[in-house]
Amino acid sequence: MPLGGHEIAVDVDRAELFCCACRDQIYDRDFDAAVVLCQSAALKSAITVQSSGNPENMRKRRRVDYRPWSPDVRERLLMDNGSSVLDCEIDRPRGLRGLNNLGNTCFMNSVLQALLHTPPLRDYFLSDRHNRYYCQLKNGVKLCLACDVDAMFSAVFSGDRKPYSPAKFLYSWWQHASNLASYDQQDAHEFFISMLDGIHENVERDRGKPQSPGHGDCCIAHRVFSGILRSDVMCMACGFTSTTYDPCVDISLDLEPHQVTAHEANGFSSTQIPTTSTLIGCLDRFTRPERLGSDQKFFCQQCQVSQESLKQMSIRKLPLVSCFHIKRFEHSHTRKMSRKVDRYLQFPFSLDMAPYLSSSILRSRFGDDGDDVAANEMSSEFELFAVVTHSGKLDAGHYVTYLRLSNQWYKCDDAWITRVNENVVRAAQGYMMFYVQKMLYYRASAQVCPS
């Protein structure tokens, strides 16, 4: 279908659009809305006909019968001119496989691509540490998110190049997070948190001895992603400091403040001067002392009254993999509306987390690190290996993941995998960044070999 110099093709099986001129998958809001409407109608019809409600039937509702096909001369010409596959399939790392969009599931595919190539998580499942067959035999549980992740690792790293459909995993996740079970677009960060919680619940239920996420002997999801944040609240009258520790699987960061005119209203400003934010600047802002307002006074145990205070965050314990979530969605209570922040963010490929550790901050404040030695147990140097990006508006957009494998970047856009240079990644609108400890990154790179 020629359109304004572009040749748009429709993948009927996956309900996706592809531009042969641009050699890229495209997103159209009206087309996507029509697809979701058809899927909803088909689902209602299937539920009416199949009153038994068999999960297997629901899981396979998007499947079509296999039909052999050979391209004609025109189709072969279009494929030759519009193909954007990798230059040489033999150079494609093992495990780099597209994921089919099952209906507004780009939020899920983008996060799954990052997790499938998270070195310690990948090594855990590929070394059969969670065997889905043994788990089913032992517990008799029909739905286990960890089992579906294990099956997904096996399929993705099997050597098969055809795009994989994570339908079984999607169904299991819907059972775990029933409030998100729909074909509506969801938030990738919310899915990431929900997925880790689901794996944690399954594994801890099997172990029979629940542990705190910050505990060293917790499930694999928290052993990889869980760190510990330290919060110090200091009384400005006497200097008494109250310290609390909280486990976290990621760190949500505000973009650095933008420059505004003098006519900024309560809520969103009407005129904004674009500024460039950096991940380093966001981390500096996250760990900078913040004076709490008079409406946030805390009760000082030494003064025995509520006093104004200073609050400072720091990282007591680093995880094996650090995930940074950028707050790109703003909500104004005054105007009762939400919007997306499209400001550009610079992020480094190599990151030293030492300045943000509790030991470093305490040393600069008091000249020593006190008894906070947990931060020194692991290396503070990290390497970027995955970036989840979001393009489009708040209520309609598309998620894409960039993966760094063997020091080469690949763009994972649902079922489509293309090789890109690092400048494309640097220019991307980062929403979630995944960093792994440097020694684990280089060890993983050395082990990855072409299939």
Protein backbone atom coordinates (compact mmCIF):
# COMPACT_ATOMS: atom_id res chain seq x y z
CA MET A 1 0.00 0.00 0.00
CA PRO A 2 1.96 3.08 -1.23
CA LEU A 3 1.47 6.12 1.01
CA GLY A 4 3.36 9.40 0.52
CA GLY A 5 6.45 7.75 -0.91
CA HIS A 6 6.30 4.93 1.68
CA GLU A 7 5.28 1.33 1.04
CA ILE A 8 3.40 0.06 4.07
CA ALA A 9 3.10 -3.70 4.54
CA VAL A 10 0.88 -5.49 7.07
CA ASP A 11 2.05 -8.60 8.89
CA VAL A 12 -1.33 -10.31 9.29
CA ASP A 13 -0.10 -12.99 11.70
CA ARG A 14 1.39 -10.48 14.16
CA ALA A 15 -0.89 -7.52 13.34
CA GLU A 16 2.04 -5.16 12.76
CA LEU A 17 2.95 -2.49 10.21
CA PHE A 18 6.28 -2.35 8.35
CA CYS A 19 7.55 0.42 6.06
CA CYS A 20 9.55 -1.03 3.17
CA ALA A 21 11.00 2.39 2.29
CA CYS A 22 12.24 3.17 5.82
CA ARG A 23 13.12 -0.48 6.47
CA ASP A 24 11.64 -0.33 9.94
CA GLN A 25 8.60 -1.35 11.92
CA ILE A 26 6.19 1.55 12.43
CA TYR A 27 3.53 2.37 15.00
CA ASP A 28 0.14 3.84 14.11
CA ARG A 29 -2.33 4.64 16.85
CA ASP A 30 -5.47 4.15 14.73
CA PHE A 31 -4.24 0.83 13.35
CA ASP A 32 -3.33 -0.38 16.83
CA ALA A 33 -6.73 0.67 18.21
CA ALA A 34 -8.46 -1.28 15.41
CA VAL A 35 -6.36 -4.37 16.20
CA VAL A 36 -7.19 -4.20 19.91
CA LEU A 37 -10.89 -3.76 19.08
CA CYS A 38 -10.85 -6.86 16.87
CA GLN A 39 -8.97 -8.85 19.51
CA SER A 40 -11.46 -7.85 22.20
CA ALA A 41 -14.39 -8.87 19.99
CA ALA A 42 -12.72 -12.19 19.16
CA LEU A 43 -12.00 -12.82 22.85
CA LYS A 44 -15.63 -12.17 23.84
CA SER A 45 -16.81 -14.49 21.09
CA ALA A 46 -14.39 -17.22 22.17
CA ILE A 47 -15.50 -16.94 25.80
CA THR A 48 -19.15 -17.22 24.75
CA VAL A 49 -18.55 -20.32 22.62
CA GLN A 50 -16.12 -21.98 25.04
CA SER A 51 -17.91 -21.72 28.35
CA SER A 52 -15.40 -24.09 29.91
CA GLY A 53 -12.88 -21.24 30.16
CA ASN A 54 -9.89 -23.47 29.46
CA PRO A 55 -6.69 -21.36 29.91
CA GLU A 56 -5.03 -23.20 27.03
CA ASN A 57 -7.76 -22.05 24.64
CA MET A 58 -7.42 -18.44 25.82
CA ARG A 59 -3.66 -18.59 25.48
CA LYS A 60 -3.87 -19.70 21.85
CA ARG A 61 -6.53 -17.24 20.68
CA ARG A 62 -4.04 -15.32 18.48
CA ARG A 63 -2.69 -18.36 16.69
CA VAL A 64 -3.40 -19.04 13.01
CA ASP A 65 -3.10 -22.26 11.08
CA TYR A 66 0.20 -22.81 9.32
CA ARG A 67 0.05 -22.34 5.56
CA PRO A 68 3.05 -22.87 3.26
CA TRP A 69 3.95 -19.76 1.29
CA SER A 70 6.38 -18.88 -1.47
CA PRO A 71 6.88 -15.25 -2.51
CA ASP A 72 6.05 -14.23 -6.06
CA VAL A 73 8.32 -11.98 -8.15
CA ARG A 74 6.84 -8.73 -6.78
CA GLU A 75 6.98 -9.91 -3.17
CA ARG A 76 10.55 -11.12 -3.57
CA LEU A 77 11.52 -7.72 -4.96
CA LEU A 78 9.88 -5.97 -2.01
CA MET A 79 11.73 -8.23 0.43
CA ASP A 80 15.07 -7.61 -1.26
CA ASN A 81 14.59 -3.83 -1.25
CA GLY A 82 12.90 -3.49 2.13
CA SER A 83 14.66 -6.07 4.27
CA SER A 84 16.40 -4.81 7.41
CA VAL A 85 17.75 -8.08 8.77
CA LEU A 86 21.27 -8.32 10.14
CA ASP A 87 24.07 -8.19 7.62
CA CYS A 88 25.35 -11.62 8.52
CA GLU A 89 23.28 -14.03 10.61
CA ILE A 90 26.36 -15.94 11.71
CA ASP A 91 27.53 -12.84 13.60
CA ARG A 92 24.31 -12.66 15.57
CA PRO A 93 24.92 -13.60 19.23
CA ARG A 94 23.12 -16.63 20.58
CA GLY A 95 19.99 -15.69 22.44
CA LEU A 96 19.26 -12.60 20.35
CA ARG A 97 15.74 -13.41 19.20
CA GLY A 98 12.74 -11.20 18.44
CA LEU A 99 9.58 -11.33 20.56
CA ASN A 100 6.19 -11.18 18.87
CA ASN A 101 3.83 -8.40 19.91
CA LEU A 102 0.71 -10.10 21.30
CA GLY A 103 -1.38 -6.93 21.24
CA ASN A 104 0.05 -3.79 22.88
CA THR A 105 2.70 -5.87 24.66
CA CYS A 106 5.77 -3.89 23.58
CA PHE A 107 6.09 -2.81 27.24
CA MET A 108 6.55 -6.46 28.19
CA ASN A 109 8.83 -7.38 25.28
CA SER A 110 11.18 -4.47 25.97
CA VAL A 111 11.72 -5.48 29.61
CA LEU A 112 11.96 -9.19 28.77
CA GLN A 113 14.75 -8.50 26.27
CA ALA A 114 16.72 -6.71 29.00
CA LEU A 115 16.14 -9.51 31.52
CA LEU A 116 16.92 -12.29 29.04
CA HIS A 117 20.38 -10.75 28.59
CA THR A 118 21.05 -9.83 32.22
CA PRO A 119 24.26 -11.87 32.79
CA PRO A 120 23.64 -13.29 36.32
CA LEU A 121 19.94 -13.93 35.61
CA ARG A 122 20.75 -15.61 32.30
CA ASP A 123 23.44 -17.81 33.89
CA TYR A 124 21.05 -18.85 36.67
CA PHE A 125 18.30 -20.13 34.37
CA LEU A 126 20.58 -21.60 31.69
CA SER A 127 22.43 -23.60 34.35
CA ASP A 128 19.12 -25.28 35.29
CA ARG A 129 18.92 -23.71 38.73
CA HIS A 130 15.14 -23.52 38.34
CA ASN A 131 13.98 -26.61 36.48
CA ARG A 132 10.36 -26.14 35.40
CA TYR A 133 9.73 -29.87 35.06
CA TYR A 134 10.99 -30.61 38.56
CA CYS A 135 9.08 -27.61 39.94
CA GLN A 136 5.79 -28.81 38.43
CA LEU A 137 6.41 -32.37 39.62
CA LYS A 138 7.33 -31.25 43.14
CA ASN A 139 4.67 -28.61 43.73
CA GLY A 140 1.93 -29.49 41.28
CA VAL A 141 1.42 -25.78 40.61
CA LYS A 142 -0.06 -25.10 37.20
CA LEU A 143 0.99 -21.45 37.06
CA CYS A 144 4.53 -20.48 38.05
CA LEU A 145 6.11 -17.32 36.68
CA ALA A 146 9.63 -18.63 37.31
CA CYS A 147 8.82 -21.80 35.33
CA ASP A 148 7.61 -19.71 32.40
CA VAL A 149 10.78 -17.61 32.56
CA ASP A 150 12.81 -20.83 32.51
CA ALA A 151 10.90 -22.02 29.42
CA MET A 152 11.47 -18.64 27.76
CA PHE A 153 15.24 -18.80 28.36
CA SER A 154 15.32 -22.30 26.86
CA ALA A 155 13.41 -21.17 23.77
CA VAL A 156 15.35 -17.94 23.21
CA PHE A 157 18.76 -19.62 23.59
CA SER A 158 17.80 -22.72 21.57
CA GLY A 159 19.37 -21.31 18.41
CA ASP A 160 16.02 -20.80 16.65
CA ARG A 161 16.00 -17.47 14.81
CA LYS A 162 12.24 -17.12 14.30
CA PRO A 163 10.52 -14.59 16.60
CA TYR A 164 9.25 -16.13 19.82
CA SER A 165 5.75 -15.60 21.24
CA PRO A 166 5.78 -15.33 25.07
CA ALA A 167 2.05 -16.14 25.27
CA LYS A 168 2.32 -18.62 28.15
CA PHE A 169 4.33 -16.13 30.19
CA LEU A 170 1.82 -13.36 29.44
CA TYR A 171 -1.05 -15.53 30.66
CA SER A 172 0.81 -16.43 33.88
CA TRP A 173 1.66 -12.78 34.50
CA TRP A 174 -1.99 -11.85 34.01
CA GLN A 175 -2.88 -14.34 36.74
CA HIS A 176 -0.28 -12.79 39.04
CA ALA A 177 -1.27 -9.17 38.26
CA SER A 178 -4.97 -9.47 37.47
CA ASN A 179 -5.44 -5.69 37.72
CA LEU A 180 -3.19 -5.32 34.65
CA ALA A 181 -4.69 -8.19 32.64
CA SER A 182 -5.85 -6.45 29.47
CA TYR A 183 -4.72 -5.50 25.99
CA ASP A 184 -4.20 -1.90 27.07
CA GLN A 185 -0.70 -0.42 26.93
CA GLN A 186 0.99 -0.75 30.34
CA ASP A 187 4.00 0.94 31.89
CA ALA A 188 7.27 -0.97 31.35
CA HIS A 189 8.60 0.00 34.78
CA GLU A 190 5.43 -1.20 36.50
CA PHE A 191 5.69 -4.49 34.62
CA PHE A 192 9.35 -4.87 35.68
CA ILE A 193 8.47 -4.50 39.38
CA SER A 194 5.45 -6.79 39.06
CA MET A 195 7.46 -9.49 37.29
CA LEU A 196 10.21 -9.54 39.93
CA ASP A 197 7.56 -9.74 42.65
CA GLY A 198 5.93 -12.67 40.86
CA ILE A 199 9.21 -14.59 40.62
CA HIS A 200 9.93 -13.80 44.27
CA GLU A 201 6.53 -15.10 45.42
CA ASN A 202 6.82 -18.35 43.43
CA VAL A 203 10.36 -19.17 44.53
CA GLU A 204 9.83 -18.25 48.18
CA ARG A 205 6.63 -20.29 48.29
CA ASP A 206 8.58 -23.31 47.03
CA ARG A 207 11.35 -22.76 49.59
CA GLY A 208 8.86 -22.51 52.44
CA LYS A 209 10.94 -19.87 54.29
CA PRO A 210 10.19 -16.34 53.09
CA GLN A 211 13.07 -13.89 53.24
CA SER A 212 13.25 -10.13 53.04
CA PRO A 213 14.18 -8.79 49.54
CA GLY A 214 17.31 -7.24 51.07
CA HIS A 215 18.44 -10.58 52.52
CA GLY A 216 21.45 -12.21 50.88
CA ASP A 217 19.73 -15.59 50.64
CA CYS A 218 16.62 -14.38 48.85
CA CYS A 219 15.26 -15.47 45.45
CA ILE A 220 17.25 -15.03 42.24
CA ALA A 221 15.30 -11.91 41.21
CA HIS A 222 16.33 -10.04 44.35
CA ARG A 223 19.82 -11.56 44.50
CA VAL A 224 20.45 -9.92 41.12
CA PHE A 225 18.57 -6.62 41.41
CA SER A 226 18.14 -5.92 45.12
CA GLY A 227 20.25 -3.27 46.83
CA ILE A 228 19.83 -1.33 50.07
CA LEU A 229 19.15 2.39 50.34
CA ARG A 230 20.10 4.41 53.40
CA SER A 231 18.03 7.42 54.50
CA ASP A 232 19.46 9.89 57.04
CA VAL A 233 17.16 12.52 58.57
CA MET A 234 19.08 15.05 60.69
CA CYS A 235 17.52 17.44 63.18
CA MET A 236 18.55 21.01 62.32
CA ALA A 237 18.32 22.07 65.98
CA CYS A 238 20.56 19.52 67.71
CA GLY A 239 22.11 17.44 64.91
CA PHE A 240 20.51 14.15 65.99
CA THR A 241 20.29 11.78 63.00
CA SER A 242 17.69 9.08 62.43
CA THR A 243 18.81 6.37 59.99
CA THR A 244 16.63 3.84 58.18
CA TYR A 245 17.48 1.17 55.59
CA ASP A 246 15.17 0.03 52.80
CA PRO A 247 15.65 -2.68 50.13
CA CYS A 248 15.09 -1.67 46.51
CA VAL A 249 15.21 -3.40 43.13
CA ASP A 250 15.66 -0.15 41.20
CA ILE A 251 16.18 3.58 41.72
CA SER A 252 13.65 6.05 40.34
CA LEU A 253 15.28 9.34 39.40
CA ASP A 254 13.83 12.77 38.68
CA LEU A 255 15.18 14.60 35.66
CA GLU A 256 17.21 17.65 36.57
CA PRO A 257 15.05 20.79 36.99
CA HIS A 258 14.34 22.70 33.80
CA GLN A 259 14.72 26.44 33.40
CA VAL A 260 11.40 28.27 33.40
CA THR A 261 10.15 31.78 32.92
CA ALA A 262 8.99 33.98 35.78
CA HIS A 263 5.36 33.19 34.92
CA GLU A 264 5.45 29.57 36.04
CA ALA A 265 2.07 28.54 37.35
CA ASN A 266 1.25 26.09 40.09
CA GLY A 267 1.56 22.74 38.39
CA PHE A 268 3.08 22.66 34.90
CA SER A 269 4.87 25.74 33.64
CA SER A 270 3.50 27.36 30.50
CA THR A 271 6.93 28.19 29.09
CA GLN A 272 9.98 25.97 29.51
CA ILE A 273 13.52 26.37 28.24
CA PRO A 274 14.78 22.87 27.26
CA THR A 275 17.84 21.72 29.14
CA THR A 276 19.92 18.57 28.89
CA SER A 277 19.82 16.23 31.87
CA THR A 278 22.51 13.68 32.65
CA LEU A 279 22.29 10.45 34.59
CA ILE A 280 25.20 11.64 36.74
CA GLY A 281 23.30 14.86 37.48
CA CYS A 282 20.18 12.88 38.40
CA LEU A 283 22.19 10.69 40.80
CA ASP A 284 23.84 13.77 42.33
CA ARG A 285 20.39 15.25 42.89
CA PHE A 286 19.12 11.96 44.37
CA THR A 287 21.90 11.85 47.00
CA ARG A 288 22.03 15.61 47.69
CA PRO A 289 20.89 16.80 51.17
CA GLU A 290 17.32 18.08 50.99
CA ARG A 291 15.74 20.45 53.50
CA LEU A 292 12.29 19.22 54.45
CA GLY A 293 9.55 21.83 54.64
CA SER A 294 7.82 23.01 57.79
CA ASP A 295 4.91 20.69 56.99
CA GLN A 296 7.29 17.68 57.07
CA LYS A 297 8.81 18.10 60.52
CA PHE A 298 9.98 14.91 62.16
CA PHE A 299 9.93 14.02 65.84
CA CYS A 300 13.48 14.35 67.24
CA GLN A 301 14.17 11.77 69.93
CA GLN A 302 16.78 14.03 71.49
CA CYS A 303 14.78 17.29 71.47
CA GLN A 304 11.53 15.42 72.18
CA VAL A 305 9.65 17.80 69.84
CA SER A 306 9.01 18.01 66.10
CA GLN A 307 11.82 19.88 64.35
CA GLU A 308 12.77 20.94 60.84
CA SER A 309 15.29 18.57 59.32
CA LEU A 310 17.66 17.67 56.49
CA LYS A 311 17.20 14.41 54.59
CA GLN A 312 19.88 12.65 52.54
CA MET A 313 19.67 9.43 50.56
CA SER A 314 22.62 7.15 49.79
CA ILE A 315 23.26 3.59 48.68
CA ARG A 316 24.41 1.27 51.43
CA LYS A 317 24.64 -1.87 49.30
CA LEU A 318 24.95 -2.08 45.52
CA PRO A 319 23.15 -4.86 43.60
CA LEU A 320 24.78 -7.01 40.94
CA VAL A 321 22.62 -5.22 38.38
CA SER A 322 21.51 -1.62 38.89
CA CYS A 323 18.30 -0.50 37.20
CA PHE A 324 17.61 3.24 36.92
CA HIS A 325 14.08 4.36 36.14
CA ILE A 326 13.67 7.89 34.79
CA LYS A 327 10.46 9.64 35.86
CA ARG A 328 9.20 10.79 32.47
CA PHE A 329 5.51 10.89 33.40
CA GLU A 330 4.42 13.91 35.43
CA HIS A 331 1.10 14.30 37.25
CA SER A 332 -0.27 17.72 38.25
CA HIS A 333 -2.78 17.62 41.11
CA THR A 334 -3.57 21.29 40.51
CA ARG A 335 -4.54 20.89 36.87
CA LYS A 336 -5.65 17.28 37.32
CA MET A 337 -3.77 16.14 34.26
CA SER A 338 -0.71 14.13 33.28
CA ARG A 339 1.93 14.49 30.61
CA LYS A 340 5.16 12.94 29.37
CA VAL A 341 8.53 14.70 29.70
CA ASP A 342 10.44 14.31 26.43
CA ARG A 343 13.63 15.96 27.66
CA TYR A 344 16.90 14.40 26.45
CA LEU A 345 19.00 12.47 28.97
CA GLN A 346 22.70 11.76 28.60
CA PHE A 347 23.81 8.47 30.13
CA PRO A 348 27.34 6.99 30.26
CA PHE A 349 28.24 3.52 29.04
CA SER A 350 30.55 3.11 32.07
CA LEU A 351 29.40 4.28 35.51
CA ASP A 352 31.25 4.56 38.82
CA MET A 353 28.77 4.42 41.71
CA ALA A 354 31.39 5.13 44.42
CA PRO A 355 30.35 8.80 44.99
CA TYR A 356 26.79 7.71 45.85
CA LEU A 357 27.67 5.02 48.40
CA SER A 358 26.87 5.61 52.06
CA SER A 359 30.50 5.03 52.96
CA SER A 360 31.65 7.82 50.61
CA ILE A 361 28.99 10.27 51.79
CA LEU A 362 29.66 9.56 55.47
CA ARG A 363 33.38 9.95 54.88
CA SER A 364 32.85 13.38 53.32
CA ARG A 365 30.51 14.40 56.14
CA PHE A 366 32.33 13.04 59.19
CA GLY A 367 35.75 11.99 57.93
CA ASP A 368 35.04 8.26 58.31
CA ASP A 369 32.44 5.76 57.19
CA GLY A 370 31.40 4.64 60.67
CA ASP A 371 30.07 1.11 60.70
CA ASP A 372 28.68 1.27 57.17
CA VAL A 373 30.99 -1.21 55.47
CA ALA A 374 28.42 -3.17 53.48
CA ALA A 375 28.90 -0.90 50.47
CA ASN A 376 32.51 -2.02 50.09
CA GLU A 377 31.65 -5.67 49.60
CA MET A 378 31.20 -5.29 45.85
CA SER A 379 32.73 -3.34 43.02
CA SER A 380 31.32 0.12 42.36
CA GLU A 381 32.12 0.13 38.62
CA PHE A 382 29.26 -0.75 36.26
CA GLU A 383 28.76 -1.20 32.51
CA LEU A 384 25.59 -0.37 30.57
CA PHE A 385 24.11 -3.38 28.75
CA ALA A 386 20.44 -2.51 28.13
CA VAL A 387 18.36 0.64 27.57
CA VAL A 388 14.56 0.60 27.44
CA THR A 389 13.18 3.61 25.55
CA HIS A 390 9.70 5.07 25.12
CA SER A 391 8.57 7.10 22.11
CA GLY A 392 5.22 8.77 21.64
CA LYS A 393 2.77 10.31 24.06
CA LEU A 394 1.62 9.37 27.54
CA ASP A 395 -1.50 7.47 26.48
CA ALA A 396 -0.09 6.06 23.24
CA GLY A 397 3.51 5.14 22.59
CA HIS A 398 5.95 2.39 21.82
CA TYR A 399 8.75 0.72 23.81
CA VAL A 400 12.02 -0.43 22.26
CA THR A 401 15.13 -1.95 23.87
CA TYR A 402 18.77 -1.49 22.91
CA LEU A 403 21.05 -4.37 23.93
CA ARG A 404 24.83 -4.34 24.20
CA LEU A 405 26.21 -7.79 23.42
CA SER A 406 29.93 -8.40 22.87
CA ASN A 407 30.37 -4.62 22.70
CA GLN A 408 27.93 -4.37 19.77
CA TRP A 409 24.53 -2.66 20.07
CA TYR A 410 21.29 -4.19 18.79
CA LYS A 411 17.83 -2.66 18.56
CA CYS A 412 15.06 -4.98 19.73
CA ASP A 413 11.73 -3.69 18.40
CA ASP A 414 9.33 -6.52 19.21
CA ALA A 415 9.96 -9.18 16.50
CA TRP A 416 12.54 -7.08 14.66
CA ILE A 417 16.25 -7.18 15.54
CA THR A 418 18.68 -4.77 13.86
CA ARG A 419 22.30 -3.84 14.49
CA VAL A 420 22.88 -0.16 15.34
CA ASN A 421 25.86 1.99 16.26
CA GLU A 422 26.32 3.54 19.68
CA ASN A 423 25.34 7.03 18.48
CA VAL A 424 21.80 5.78 17.90
CA VAL A 425 21.71 4.51 21.48
CA ARG A 426 23.08 7.75 22.92
CA ALA A 427 20.38 9.72 21.08
CA ALA A 428 17.58 7.46 22.34
CA GLN A 429 15.07 8.69 24.91
CA GLY A 430 16.08 6.50 27.84
CA TYR A 431 13.34 5.37 30.22
CA MET A 432 15.07 2.48 32.02
CA MET A 433 18.82 1.83 32.07
CA PHE A 434 20.36 -1.47 33.17
CA TYR A 435 23.97 -1.54 34.42
CA VAL A 436 25.84 -4.68 35.48
CA GLN A 437 28.98 -4.82 37.60
CA LYS A 438 31.95 -4.40 35.29
CA MET A 439 33.65 -7.70 36.13
CA LEU A 440 30.41 -9.59 35.37
CA TYR A 441 29.96 -7.70 32.08
CA TYR A 442 33.42 -8.55 30.75
CA ARG A 443 33.12 -12.13 31.95
CA ALA A 444 29.78 -12.45 30.14
CA SER A 445 31.17 -10.83 26.97
CA ALA A 446 34.03 -13.30 26.92
CA GLN A 447 31.61 -16.23 27.17
CA VAL A 448 29.25 -15.07 24.41
CA CYS A 449 30.18 -16.58 21.08
CA PRO A 450 28.44 -16.44 17.71
CA SER A 451 25.97 -19.20 17.04
